Protein backbone atom coordinates (compact mmCIF):
# COMPACT_ATOMS: atom_id res chain seq x y z
CA UNK A 1 72.26 99.70 86.11
CA UNK A 2 71.75 99.16 89.83
CA UNK A 3 72.82 101.94 92.18
CA UNK A 4 74.36 99.26 94.39
CA UNK A 5 77.27 97.82 92.41
CA UNK A 6 77.15 94.62 94.48
CA UNK A 7 73.67 93.79 93.21
CA UNK A 8 74.06 91.53 90.20
CA UNK A 9 70.49 90.37 89.78
CA UNK A 10 71.26 86.65 89.84
CA UNK A 11 69.09 83.90 91.30
CA UNK A 12 69.69 80.17 91.89
CA UNK A 13 67.53 79.51 88.82
CA UNK A 14 69.29 82.17 86.73
CA UNK A 15 72.81 82.60 88.09
CA UNK A 16 75.15 85.17 86.60
CA UNK A 17 78.90 85.62 86.61
CA UNK A 18 80.35 87.76 89.40
CA UNK A 19 82.10 90.57 87.57
CA UNK A 20 83.04 92.66 90.60
CA UNK A 21 86.34 93.82 92.16
CA UNK A 22 85.95 91.10 94.80
CA UNK A 23 86.48 88.44 92.10
CA UNK A 24 90.28 88.51 91.93
CA UNK A 25 93.14 86.05 91.46
CA UNK A 26 96.04 86.00 93.89
CA UNK A 27 98.61 85.99 91.09
CA UNK A 28 97.19 89.28 89.80
CA UNK A 29 97.57 91.17 93.06
CA UNK A 30 100.34 89.44 95.00
CA UNK A 31 102.94 92.00 93.88
CA UNK A 32 100.65 94.96 94.48
CA UNK A 33 100.75 96.91 97.72
CA UNK A 34 97.52 98.89 97.64
CA UNK A 35 95.80 96.27 99.82
CA UNK A 36 98.28 97.07 102.62
CA UNK A 37 97.17 100.22 104.43
CA UNK A 38 99.62 101.96 106.76
CA UNK A 39 98.42 103.13 110.16
CA UNK A 40 99.92 106.63 110.27
CA UNK A 41 101.42 108.39 113.32
CA UNK A 42 98.42 110.77 113.36
CA UNK A 43 96.12 107.76 113.60
CA UNK A 44 98.11 106.42 116.55
CA UNK A 45 97.80 109.80 118.29
CA UNK A 46 94.03 109.60 117.91
CA UNK A 47 94.00 106.06 119.26
CA UNK A 48 96.11 107.15 122.24
CA UNK A 49 93.78 110.04 123.03
CA UNK A 50 90.66 107.88 122.70
CA UNK A 51 92.23 105.21 124.92
CA UNK A 52 93.03 107.68 127.68
CA UNK A 53 89.62 109.37 127.59
CA UNK A 54 87.78 106.05 127.74
CA UNK A 55 89.86 105.07 130.78
CA UNK A 56 89.25 108.42 132.45
CA UNK A 57 85.52 107.79 132.15
CA UNK A 58 85.97 104.65 134.23
CA UNK A 59 84.42 102.46 131.55
CA UNK A 60 85.10 98.74 131.40
CA UNK A 61 86.53 97.47 128.11
CA UNK A 62 83.22 96.43 126.56
CA UNK A 63 81.25 99.34 128.00
CA UNK A 64 83.11 101.59 125.56
CA UNK A 65 80.93 102.82 122.68
CA UNK A 66 81.76 104.63 119.46
CA UNK A 67 80.84 107.91 121.18
CA UNK A 68 83.24 107.14 124.04
CA UNK A 69 86.09 106.36 121.64
CA UNK A 70 86.36 109.36 119.35
CA UNK A 71 88.30 108.81 116.13
CA UNK A 72 88.18 111.50 113.47
CA UNK A 73 90.78 110.91 110.76
CA UNK A 74 91.18 107.24 111.66
CA UNK A 75 87.40 106.87 111.90
CA UNK A 76 87.19 108.08 108.29
CA UNK A 77 89.88 105.55 107.39
CA UNK A 78 87.80 102.80 108.99
CA UNK A 79 84.77 103.90 106.97
CA UNK A 80 86.90 103.72 103.83
CA UNK A 81 88.09 100.27 104.87
CA UNK A 82 84.53 98.97 105.34
CA UNK A 83 83.64 100.34 101.90
CA UNK A 84 86.60 98.42 100.44
CA UNK A 85 85.37 95.24 102.13
CA UNK A 86 81.88 95.67 100.69
CA UNK A 87 82.55 97.21 97.27
CA UNK A 88 86.23 96.52 96.60
CA UNK A 89 88.36 93.38 96.88
CA UNK A 90 86.79 92.32 100.17
CA UNK A 91 89.93 92.51 102.31
CA UNK A 92 92.41 94.98 103.79
CA UNK A 93 95.62 94.47 105.76
CA UNK A 94 96.29 97.42 108.06
CA UNK A 95 99.93 97.59 109.11
CA UNK A 96 101.69 99.54 111.83
CA UNK A 97 99.50 99.38 114.94
CA UNK A 98 102.26 99.78 117.58
CA UNK A 99 101.30 96.91 119.86
CA UNK A 100 104.67 97.12 121.61
CA UNK A 101 103.79 100.46 123.23
CA UNK A 102 100.68 99.18 125.03
CA UNK A 103 99.99 96.60 127.68
CA UNK A 104 97.61 93.76 126.89
CA UNK A 105 94.57 95.40 128.49
CA UNK A 106 95.09 98.60 126.50
CA UNK A 107 95.50 96.70 123.23
CA UNK A 108 92.17 94.98 123.84
CA UNK A 109 90.49 98.26 124.73
CA UNK A 110 91.80 99.99 121.59
CA UNK A 111 90.78 97.03 119.42
CA UNK A 112 87.31 97.07 120.97
CA UNK A 113 87.04 100.81 120.34
CA UNK A 114 88.05 100.35 116.71
CA UNK A 115 85.42 97.64 116.36
CA UNK A 116 82.75 99.99 117.70
CA UNK A 117 83.41 102.30 114.74
CA UNK A 118 82.82 99.39 112.34
CA UNK A 119 79.76 97.64 113.70
CA UNK A 120 78.35 95.33 116.35
CA UNK A 121 80.45 92.58 117.90
CA UNK A 122 79.01 89.06 118.04
CA UNK A 123 79.75 86.18 120.38
CA UNK A 124 82.39 83.78 119.07
CA UNK A 125 81.98 80.83 121.44
CA UNK A 126 79.80 79.30 124.11
CA UNK A 127 81.46 81.55 126.71
CA UNK A 128 80.01 84.53 124.89
CA UNK A 129 83.42 86.10 124.23
CA UNK A 130 83.29 89.13 121.94
CA UNK A 131 87.07 89.37 121.62
CA UNK A 132 88.67 85.95 121.34
CA UNK A 133 92.31 85.06 121.77
CA UNK A 134 93.60 82.98 118.85
CA UNK A 135 96.41 80.86 120.27
CA UNK A 136 97.47 77.23 120.43
CA UNK A 137 95.92 75.45 123.40
CA UNK A 138 97.24 72.09 122.28
CA UNK A 139 93.87 70.98 120.93
CA UNK A 140 93.55 68.19 118.36
CA UNK A 141 91.79 69.67 115.34
CA UNK A 142 90.96 66.19 114.04
CA UNK A 143 88.36 66.00 116.83
CA UNK A 144 85.11 67.72 115.96
CA UNK A 145 84.73 69.34 119.36
CA UNK A 146 88.08 71.12 119.04
CA UNK A 147 88.11 74.36 117.06
CA UNK A 148 91.01 74.92 114.73
CA UNK A 149 91.68 78.43 116.03
CA UNK A 150 92.66 76.87 119.36
CA UNK A 151 95.30 74.64 117.77
CA UNK A 152 98.49 74.98 115.74
CA UNK A 153 97.03 72.92 112.90
CA UNK A 154 96.72 73.89 109.29
CA UNK A 155 93.22 75.28 108.71
CA UNK A 156 91.51 74.66 105.39
CA UNK A 157 89.74 77.44 103.46
CA UNK A 158 86.58 78.62 105.19
CA UNK A 159 84.69 81.74 106.19
CA UNK A 160 83.39 82.84 109.60
CA UNK A 161 79.76 83.58 110.36
CA UNK A 162 79.49 87.38 110.64
CA UNK A 163 79.80 90.15 108.05
CA UNK A 164 83.41 90.94 108.96
CA UNK A 165 86.22 89.14 110.76
CA UNK A 166 89.13 91.14 112.13
CA UNK A 167 92.45 89.75 113.36
CA UNK A 168 95.12 91.82 115.10
CA UNK A 169 98.52 90.19 115.50
CA UNK A 170 100.29 90.65 118.83
CA UNK A 171 102.93 87.93 118.46
CA UNK A 172 103.98 85.63 115.63
CA UNK A 173 104.94 81.95 115.79
CA UNK A 174 108.49 80.66 115.72
CA UNK A 175 107.81 79.45 112.20
CA UNK A 176 104.80 79.02 109.94
CA UNK A 177 101.25 80.22 110.51
CA UNK A 178 100.94 82.24 107.31
CA UNK A 179 97.48 83.58 106.49
CA UNK A 180 96.12 82.72 103.06
CA UNK A 181 93.00 84.20 101.53
CA UNK A 182 91.16 83.78 98.26
CA UNK A 183 88.08 85.20 96.58
CA UNK A 184 85.00 83.03 96.94
CA UNK A 185 83.60 84.96 94.00
CA UNK A 186 86.49 83.88 91.78
CA UNK A 187 85.73 80.30 92.79
CA UNK A 188 82.09 80.88 91.86
CA UNK A 189 83.14 82.10 88.43
CA UNK A 190 85.36 79.05 87.96
CA UNK A 191 82.34 76.85 88.66
CA UNK A 192 80.09 78.98 86.46
CA UNK A 193 82.54 78.70 83.56
CA UNK A 194 83.75 75.11 83.93
CA UNK A 195 81.23 73.11 85.97
CA UNK A 196 77.77 74.73 85.90
CA UNK A 197 76.31 71.31 86.72
CA UNK A 198 77.60 71.82 90.29
CA UNK A 199 75.70 75.07 90.86
CA UNK A 200 72.27 73.60 91.79
CA UNK A 201 73.85 71.48 94.56
CA UNK A 202 75.89 74.43 95.85
CA UNK A 203 72.83 76.69 95.77
CA UNK A 204 70.80 74.07 97.66
CA UNK A 205 73.49 73.82 100.30
CA UNK A 206 74.61 71.46 103.03
CA UNK A 207 74.23 70.65 106.70
CA UNK A 208 77.13 72.03 108.75
CA UNK A 209 78.27 70.32 111.93
CA UNK A 210 78.39 72.78 114.83
CA UNK A 211 81.21 71.14 116.81
CA UNK A 212 79.08 71.24 119.97
CA UNK A 213 78.78 75.03 119.79
CA UNK A 214 75.15 75.03 118.71
CA UNK A 215 72.26 76.04 120.97
CA UNK A 216 71.74 72.55 122.42
CA UNK A 217 75.39 71.74 123.02
CA UNK A 218 74.81 68.34 121.40
CA UNK A 219 78.04 67.35 119.60
CA UNK A 220 75.90 65.83 116.83
CA UNK A 221 73.85 68.98 116.25
CA UNK A 222 73.91 70.24 112.66
CA UNK A 223 72.43 73.18 110.81
CA UNK A 224 69.64 73.19 108.28
CA UNK A 225 70.90 73.25 104.69
CA UNK A 226 72.96 76.39 104.16
CA UNK A 227 73.90 77.26 100.57
CA UNK A 228 77.56 77.43 99.65
CA UNK A 229 76.56 80.30 97.38
CA UNK A 230 73.38 82.15 98.30
CA UNK A 231 71.57 84.46 95.91
CA UNK A 232 69.25 86.87 97.75
CA UNK A 233 67.57 89.92 96.26
CA UNK A 234 70.16 89.82 93.47
CA UNK A 235 73.16 89.72 95.84
CA UNK A 236 75.50 86.76 96.26
CA UNK A 237 77.27 85.57 99.42
CA UNK A 238 79.33 82.48 100.31
CA UNK A 239 79.37 80.06 103.23
CA UNK A 240 81.98 77.27 103.02
CA UNK A 241 83.89 74.94 105.32
CA UNK A 242 84.57 71.55 103.75
CA UNK A 243 85.36 69.85 107.06
CA UNK A 244 82.09 71.05 108.60
CA UNK A 245 80.08 70.13 105.50
CA UNK A 246 81.42 66.59 105.24
CA UNK A 247 81.03 65.92 108.98
CA UNK A 248 77.60 67.55 108.94
CA UNK A 249 76.40 65.22 106.18
CA UNK A 250 77.34 62.22 108.30
CA UNK A 251 75.76 63.57 111.48
CA UNK A 252 72.59 64.59 109.63
CA UNK A 253 72.24 61.10 108.17
CA UNK A 254 72.23 62.65 104.71
CA UNK A 255 75.41 61.45 102.96
CA UNK A 256 76.66 63.61 100.13
CA UNK A 257 75.73 62.35 96.70
CA UNK A 258 78.51 61.83 94.19
CA UNK A 259 77.58 65.12 92.53
CA UNK A 260 77.50 66.98 95.86
CA UNK A 261 80.89 65.58 96.89
CA UNK A 262 82.35 66.50 93.52
CA UNK A 263 81.00 70.05 93.88
CA UNK A 264 82.41 70.43 97.39
CA UNK A 265 85.73 68.99 96.27
CA UNK A 266 85.91 71.41 93.36
CA UNK A 267 85.36 74.38 95.66
CA UNK A 268 88.00 73.10 98.08
CA UNK A 269 90.52 72.29 95.35
CA UNK A 270 90.03 75.56 93.50
CA UNK A 271 90.48 77.46 96.77
CA UNK A 272 94.05 76.16 97.13
CA UNK A 273 95.16 76.67 93.54
CA UNK A 274 98.36 78.68 93.31
CA UNK A 275 96.83 81.25 90.97
CA UNK A 276 93.80 81.76 93.24
CA UNK A 277 95.50 82.08 96.64
CA UNK A 278 97.09 85.15 98.20
CA UNK A 279 99.34 84.48 101.21
CA UNK A 280 100.67 86.93 103.77
CA UNK A 281 102.88 86.63 106.82
CA UNK A 282 101.56 88.66 109.72
CA UNK A 283 103.81 91.07 111.57
CA UNK A 284 103.06 92.29 115.10
CA UNK A 285 100.71 95.23 114.69
CA UNK A 286 99.05 93.93 111.52
CA UNK A 287 95.24 94.01 111.47
CA UNK A 288 93.56 91.87 108.82
CA UNK A 289 89.96 92.67 107.90
CA UNK A 290 87.92 90.27 105.74
CA UNK A 291 84.41 90.27 104.31
CA UNK A 292 83.13 86.78 105.12
CA UNK A 293 80.57 86.90 102.30
CA UNK A 294 83.23 87.05 99.57
CA UNK A 295 86.55 85.84 101.09
CA UNK A 296 87.69 82.41 102.29
CA UNK A 297 90.64 82.33 104.67
CA UNK A 298 92.99 79.63 105.89
CA UNK A 299 96.11 79.29 107.99
CA UNK A 300 99.27 77.28 107.66
CA UNK A 301 100.51 74.95 110.38
CA UNK A 302 102.87 76.66 112.80
CA UNK A 303 105.56 75.79 115.31
CA UNK A 304 105.46 77.91 118.44
CA UNK A 305 107.99 79.08 120.97
CA UNK A 306 108.32 77.19 124.24
CA UNK A 307 108.02 80.33 126.37
CA UNK A 308 104.43 81.28 127.12
CA UNK A 309 105.02 85.00 126.67
CA UNK A 310 106.46 84.46 123.18
CA UNK A 311 103.74 82.19 121.80
CA UNK A 312 101.75 83.24 118.75
CA UNK A 313 98.81 85.42 119.77
CA UNK A 314 96.11 87.14 117.76
CA UNK A 315 92.85 88.76 118.85
CA UNK A 316 89.72 88.24 116.78
CA UNK A 317 86.54 90.27 116.36
CA UNK A 318 83.38 89.11 114.64
CA UNK A 319 81.42 92.15 113.47
CA UNK A 320 78.15 92.90 111.72
CA UNK A 321 77.49 96.30 110.18
CA UNK A 322 74.54 98.18 108.73
CA UNK A 323 76.03 98.53 105.25
CA UNK A 324 76.46 94.80 104.61
CA UNK A 325 74.73 93.12 101.68
CA UNK A 326 71.24 91.69 102.30
CA UNK A 327 71.27 88.02 103.30
CA UNK A 328 68.55 85.40 103.30
CA UNK A 329 67.52 84.71 106.92
CA UNK A 330 68.12 80.96 106.67
CA UNK A 331 71.53 81.51 105.08
CA UNK A 332 72.41 84.06 107.80
CA UNK A 333 71.35 81.74 110.63
CA UNK A 334 74.72 80.00 110.58
CA UNK A 335 75.04 79.04 114.26
CA UNK A 336 71.31 78.51 114.89
CA UNK A 337 71.23 81.58 117.11
CA UNK A 338 69.14 83.60 114.66
CA UNK A 339 69.92 85.50 111.45
CA UNK A 340 73.28 87.32 111.54
CA UNK A 341 73.91 86.25 115.14
CA UNK A 342 77.04 84.73 116.65
CA UNK A 343 77.36 81.70 118.91
CA UNK A 344 74.89 81.39 121.79
CA UNK A 345 76.34 81.12 125.27
CA UNK A 346 76.01 77.62 126.62
CA UNK A 347 73.57 78.69 129.33
CA UNK A 348 71.26 80.30 126.76
CA UNK A 349 67.76 78.82 126.76
CA UNK A 350 66.97 76.89 123.61
CA UNK A 351 63.20 76.75 123.18
CA UNK A 352 62.57 76.03 119.54
CA UNK A 353 64.13 76.50 116.18
CA UNK A 354 61.21 78.65 115.05
CA UNK A 355 61.76 81.07 117.93
CA UNK A 356 65.47 81.27 117.21
CA UNK A 357 64.91 82.01 113.54
CA UNK A 358 62.44 84.78 114.35
CA UNK A 359 64.64 86.34 117.04
């Protein structure tokens, strides 16, 4: 038996079922509470002390390192959380971060400091932002150049491009906006059991449209084929976004075959089955952590308040960490910025795909 419980030994040619804690059904855990972790008063005291010391050092927000932001008991809790993301269910909801006691700048600084204990932050957009505000800017998500996180639209099941995505809730919407997650590994098992004929197409993968956020800035730029389910060194990881796959096929001039479309549809339909989904309503001070290799997330449509200072607001981190499962370089090159990298800033020089992949 492998020392690393995540290593199943499967390959695209010889796939195996994913019998791991990250293969769960929402109906089995929706009434459980062990996935909600309370942030204790002692943790808040540590965060307060680390905040003040980092400010006393005169450090800018993103100059703060793990060593500058000392967390003992809460640091151990973060280590435990990362272990749960990698070896457990793949998600944790931390509850009780007292956002009301801090101003906006201090919330960002604390969130950045927490992220430094987890891993390395990656750029989320062409501006190179490492912490991104998730709020409605009135964008039309039906347009490919508009990202769903900048709208109030319903977002379909998908995963982001780094090892971990974190969301801290500062303000909730007037109504709606629930977060729904599901296990990509459960979906894999459903395919394995019921439609194994879809697996070769899903292992081969699809071109993803990049919504103009690729290295060239061309709105028609697409990725190479990225597997929906990638086996690498016996480990499995998922990359899925039906909207990006279907638009990418058109822009790549490689229309989906009937079998490919059926496979993509089955993933998308299984992801929204009542027994597969797990929904949660964020409260201010909630911090959701997800392992992008094994969890797909989505968001319900929301109606916001008219007042600017009451509008729904979350802050997002994209993080990579040293303990993540091995990934194939092509699979991990999801934004054409290089394996395991985020989105290149728009002014980044794009020389050649070969150079980017070897970066």
